[in-house]
């Protein structure tokens, strides 16, 4: 028997395909699918975790497209849902903080981004422990924020800790953790020879 168009499984499939198209750079198709998934989920449960997931995915897509106001609106709604439904020690709430931080970071709004990264990092360390890849990812993002401000002495220890976690979890294989290693090396170079950096 065919599923109804508003069935949760249909929304999940649209969400997943939209995420794939996002990765492939097929933004128009991704946006349409995420919006369709969100419409189904929002109608079923406007304050549900699935709705927050669709909002977050749509927000990440808007950020990639440079649609920052649209991204902030949906990412902030996802954060509020997760804070209400899951409370503030849940990994999905930390994920929302990271997504908002990345949005502000992309716009050069460092003062807004930094406390969000730090709060997300604190939650992830408590939930996952200090040697988890989620922790490494947020450390690297915070290091990049300092790096982009020319605060290389603050960036380097964060890069190094992120790299240590990745090597501990993944093994001493720098091909599997190239970005963090490269960032740490760049930060070390610029400590002795600072120069303006372009935004990533």
Protein backbone atom coordinates (compact mmCIF):
# COMPACT_ATOMS: atom_id res chain seq x y z
CA UNK A 1 0.00 0.00 0.00
CA UNK A 2 1.34 3.43 -0.95
CA UNK A 3 2.20 5.84 1.85
CA UNK A 4 0.32 9.10 2.15
CA UNK A 5 2.24 12.16 0.98
CA UNK A 6 2.36 13.51 4.53
CA UNK A 7 3.66 10.27 6.08
CA UNK A 8 6.73 10.73 8.33
CA UNK A 9 8.69 8.25 6.21
CA UNK A 10 8.12 10.43 3.15
CA UNK A 11 9.37 13.45 5.07
CA UNK A 12 12.46 11.52 6.19
CA UNK A 13 13.26 10.44 2.64
CA UNK A 14 12.88 13.99 1.36
CA UNK A 15 15.09 15.22 4.19
CA UNK A 16 17.79 12.65 3.45
CA UNK A 17 17.76 13.26 -0.29
CA UNK A 18 17.87 17.00 0.34
CA UNK A 19 20.97 16.53 2.48
CA UNK A 20 22.62 14.55 -0.30
CA UNK A 21 21.87 17.23 -2.87
CA UNK A 22 23.27 19.84 -0.49
CA UNK A 23 26.56 17.97 -0.33
CA UNK A 24 26.59 17.67 -4.12
CA UNK A 25 25.98 21.41 -4.51
CA UNK A 26 22.54 20.94 -6.05
CA UNK A 27 21.10 23.68 -3.87
CA UNK A 28 17.82 24.34 -5.67
CA UNK A 29 16.82 20.69 -5.48
CA UNK A 30 18.02 20.43 -1.90
CA UNK A 31 16.04 23.49 -0.84
CA UNK A 32 12.83 22.18 -2.39
CA UNK A 33 13.15 18.82 -0.67
CA UNK A 34 14.02 20.30 2.73
CA UNK A 35 11.10 22.70 2.49
CA UNK A 36 8.74 19.86 1.60
CA UNK A 37 10.03 17.75 4.50
CA UNK A 38 9.68 20.68 6.86
CA UNK A 39 6.09 21.34 5.75
CA UNK A 40 5.11 17.73 6.51
CA UNK A 41 6.86 17.66 9.87
CA UNK A 42 5.71 21.11 10.91
CA UNK A 43 2.10 20.19 10.28
CA UNK A 44 2.43 16.95 12.23
CA UNK A 45 4.32 18.39 15.21
CA UNK A 46 5.59 21.99 15.05
CA UNK A 47 7.66 21.50 18.20
CA UNK A 48 8.99 18.03 17.46
CA UNK A 49 12.56 16.81 17.06
CA UNK A 50 11.97 15.95 13.42
CA UNK A 51 10.81 19.50 12.75
CA UNK A 52 13.95 20.81 14.42
CA UNK A 53 16.04 18.53 12.23
CA UNK A 54 14.43 19.88 9.06
CA UNK A 55 14.83 23.46 10.26
CA UNK A 56 18.50 22.84 10.99
CA UNK A 57 19.14 21.26 7.62
CA UNK A 58 17.39 24.09 5.84
CA UNK A 59 19.40 26.58 7.86
CA UNK A 60 22.69 24.94 6.91
CA UNK A 61 21.66 25.09 3.26
CA UNK A 62 20.72 28.77 3.52
CA UNK A 63 24.11 29.45 5.14
CA UNK A 64 25.88 27.72 2.28
CA UNK A 65 23.93 29.90 -0.15
CA UNK A 66 24.80 33.06 1.74
CA UNK A 67 21.17 33.62 2.79
CA UNK A 68 22.13 34.59 6.30
CA UNK A 69 18.89 36.17 7.51
CA UNK A 70 16.87 33.17 6.39
CA UNK A 71 19.42 30.85 7.96
CA UNK A 72 19.34 32.63 11.30
CA UNK A 73 15.55 32.49 11.45
CA UNK A 74 15.26 28.74 10.96
CA UNK A 75 18.37 27.84 12.98
CA UNK A 76 17.15 29.90 15.92
CA UNK A 77 13.75 28.18 15.78
CA UNK A 78 15.49 24.78 15.72
CA UNK A 79 17.55 25.82 18.75
CA UNK A 80 14.45 26.90 20.66
CA UNK A 81 12.64 23.62 19.93
CA UNK A 82 15.63 21.57 21.04
CA UNK A 83 16.10 23.63 24.17
CA UNK A 84 12.45 23.14 25.11
CA UNK A 85 12.05 19.48 24.14
CA UNK A 86 15.51 18.10 24.87
CA UNK A 87 16.86 20.58 27.43
CA UNK A 88 20.28 22.19 27.37
CA UNK A 89 22.52 19.18 28.00
CA UNK A 90 21.46 17.24 24.91
CA UNK A 91 23.86 16.77 21.97
CA UNK A 92 21.25 18.03 19.50
CA UNK A 93 21.02 21.28 21.44
CA UNK A 94 24.81 21.58 21.29
CA UNK A 95 24.55 20.94 17.56
CA UNK A 96 22.15 23.88 17.25
CA UNK A 97 24.60 26.10 19.11
CA UNK A 98 27.36 25.04 16.73
CA UNK A 99 25.20 25.70 13.68
CA UNK A 100 24.36 29.20 14.86
CA UNK A 101 28.02 29.83 15.73
CA UNK A 102 29.08 28.77 12.24
CA UNK A 103 26.51 31.13 10.77
CA UNK A 104 27.78 34.10 12.77
CA UNK A 105 31.38 33.09 12.13
CA UNK A 106 30.76 33.03 8.38
CA UNK A 107 29.61 36.65 8.63
CA UNK A 108 32.59 37.73 10.72
CA UNK A 109 30.40 38.16 13.82
CA UNK A 110 33.05 36.73 16.13
CA UNK A 111 31.63 38.12 19.38
CA UNK A 112 28.34 36.33 18.72
CA UNK A 113 29.96 33.09 17.57
CA UNK A 114 32.54 32.56 20.33
CA UNK A 115 30.20 32.02 23.32
CA UNK A 116 28.09 29.62 21.26
CA UNK A 117 31.12 27.53 20.34
CA UNK A 118 32.26 27.52 23.96
CA UNK A 119 28.85 26.51 25.29
CA UNK A 120 28.54 23.74 22.69
CA UNK A 121 32.05 22.52 23.58
CA UNK A 122 31.22 22.37 27.29
CA UNK A 123 28.08 20.31 26.61
CA UNK A 124 29.91 17.93 24.27
CA UNK A 125 32.72 17.37 26.76
CA UNK A 126 30.21 16.52 29.49
CA UNK A 127 28.09 14.26 27.28
CA UNK A 128 30.75 12.52 25.19
CA UNK A 129 33.89 12.95 27.26
CA UNK A 130 37.01 14.95 26.36
CA UNK A 131 38.29 12.57 23.66
CA UNK A 132 35.37 12.45 21.23
CA UNK A 133 35.37 13.51 17.59
CA UNK A 134 32.47 15.88 18.23
CA UNK A 135 34.68 17.65 20.75
CA UNK A 136 37.54 17.74 18.24
CA UNK A 137 35.28 19.30 15.62
CA UNK A 138 34.14 22.11 17.91
CA UNK A 139 37.67 22.74 19.13
CA UNK A 140 38.76 23.10 15.52
CA UNK A 141 35.91 25.51 14.77
CA UNK A 142 36.81 27.66 17.78
CA UNK A 143 40.46 27.59 16.75
CA UNK A 144 39.50 28.77 13.26
CA UNK A 145 37.58 31.65 14.80
CA UNK A 146 40.67 32.79 16.70
CA UNK A 147 42.82 32.16 13.63
CA UNK A 148 40.63 34.37 11.48
CA UNK A 149 40.99 37.17 14.03
CA UNK A 150 44.76 36.85 14.01
CA UNK A 151 44.78 35.44 17.56
CA UNK A 152 47.24 32.71 16.66
CA UNK A 153 48.49 32.01 20.18
CA UNK A 154 44.92 31.18 21.23
CA UNK A 155 44.23 29.16 18.09
CA UNK A 156 47.26 26.87 18.23
CA UNK A 157 46.53 24.94 21.47
CA UNK A 158 42.97 24.34 20.31
CA UNK A 159 44.19 23.02 16.95
CA UNK A 160 46.71 20.82 18.74
CA UNK A 161 44.14 19.40 21.13
CA UNK A 162 41.73 18.74 18.27
CA UNK A 163 44.47 16.96 16.36
CA UNK A 164 45.42 14.87 19.39
CA UNK A 165 41.83 13.72 19.82
CA UNK A 166 41.55 12.78 16.14
CA UNK A 167 44.81 10.86 16.23
CA UNK A 168 43.68 9.09 19.41
CA UNK A 169 40.35 8.08 17.88
CA UNK A 170 41.35 7.54 14.26
CA UNK A 171 44.93 6.44 14.75
CA UNK A 172 48.06 8.36 13.80
CA UNK A 173 46.93 8.78 10.22
CA UNK A 174 47.08 12.41 9.17
CA UNK A 175 45.42 11.61 5.87
CA UNK A 176 42.25 11.00 7.87
CA UNK A 177 42.55 14.24 9.82
CA UNK A 178 44.06 16.60 7.24
CA UNK A 179 42.20 19.82 7.96
CA UNK A 180 43.05 20.03 11.63
CA UNK A 181 46.69 19.18 11.01
CA UNK A 182 46.93 21.78 8.25
CA UNK A 183 45.27 24.41 10.41
CA UNK A 184 47.62 23.74 13.31
CA UNK A 185 50.66 23.99 11.06
CA UNK A 186 49.39 27.26 9.55
CA UNK A 187 48.79 28.70 13.00
CA UNK A 188 52.31 27.79 14.09
CA UNK A 189 53.76 29.53 11.02
CA UNK A 190 51.78 32.69 11.56
CA UNK A 191 52.81 32.95 15.22
CA UNK A 192 56.22 34.09 14.01
CA UNK A 193 55.07 35.72 10.76
CA UNK A 194 51.55 37.11 11.12
CA UNK A 195 49.71 38.25 8.02
CA UNK A 196 46.12 39.03 7.07
CA UNK A 197 43.98 35.99 6.43
CA UNK A 198 41.02 35.69 4.12
CA UNK A 199 37.77 34.27 5.43
CA UNK A 200 37.20 30.61 4.67
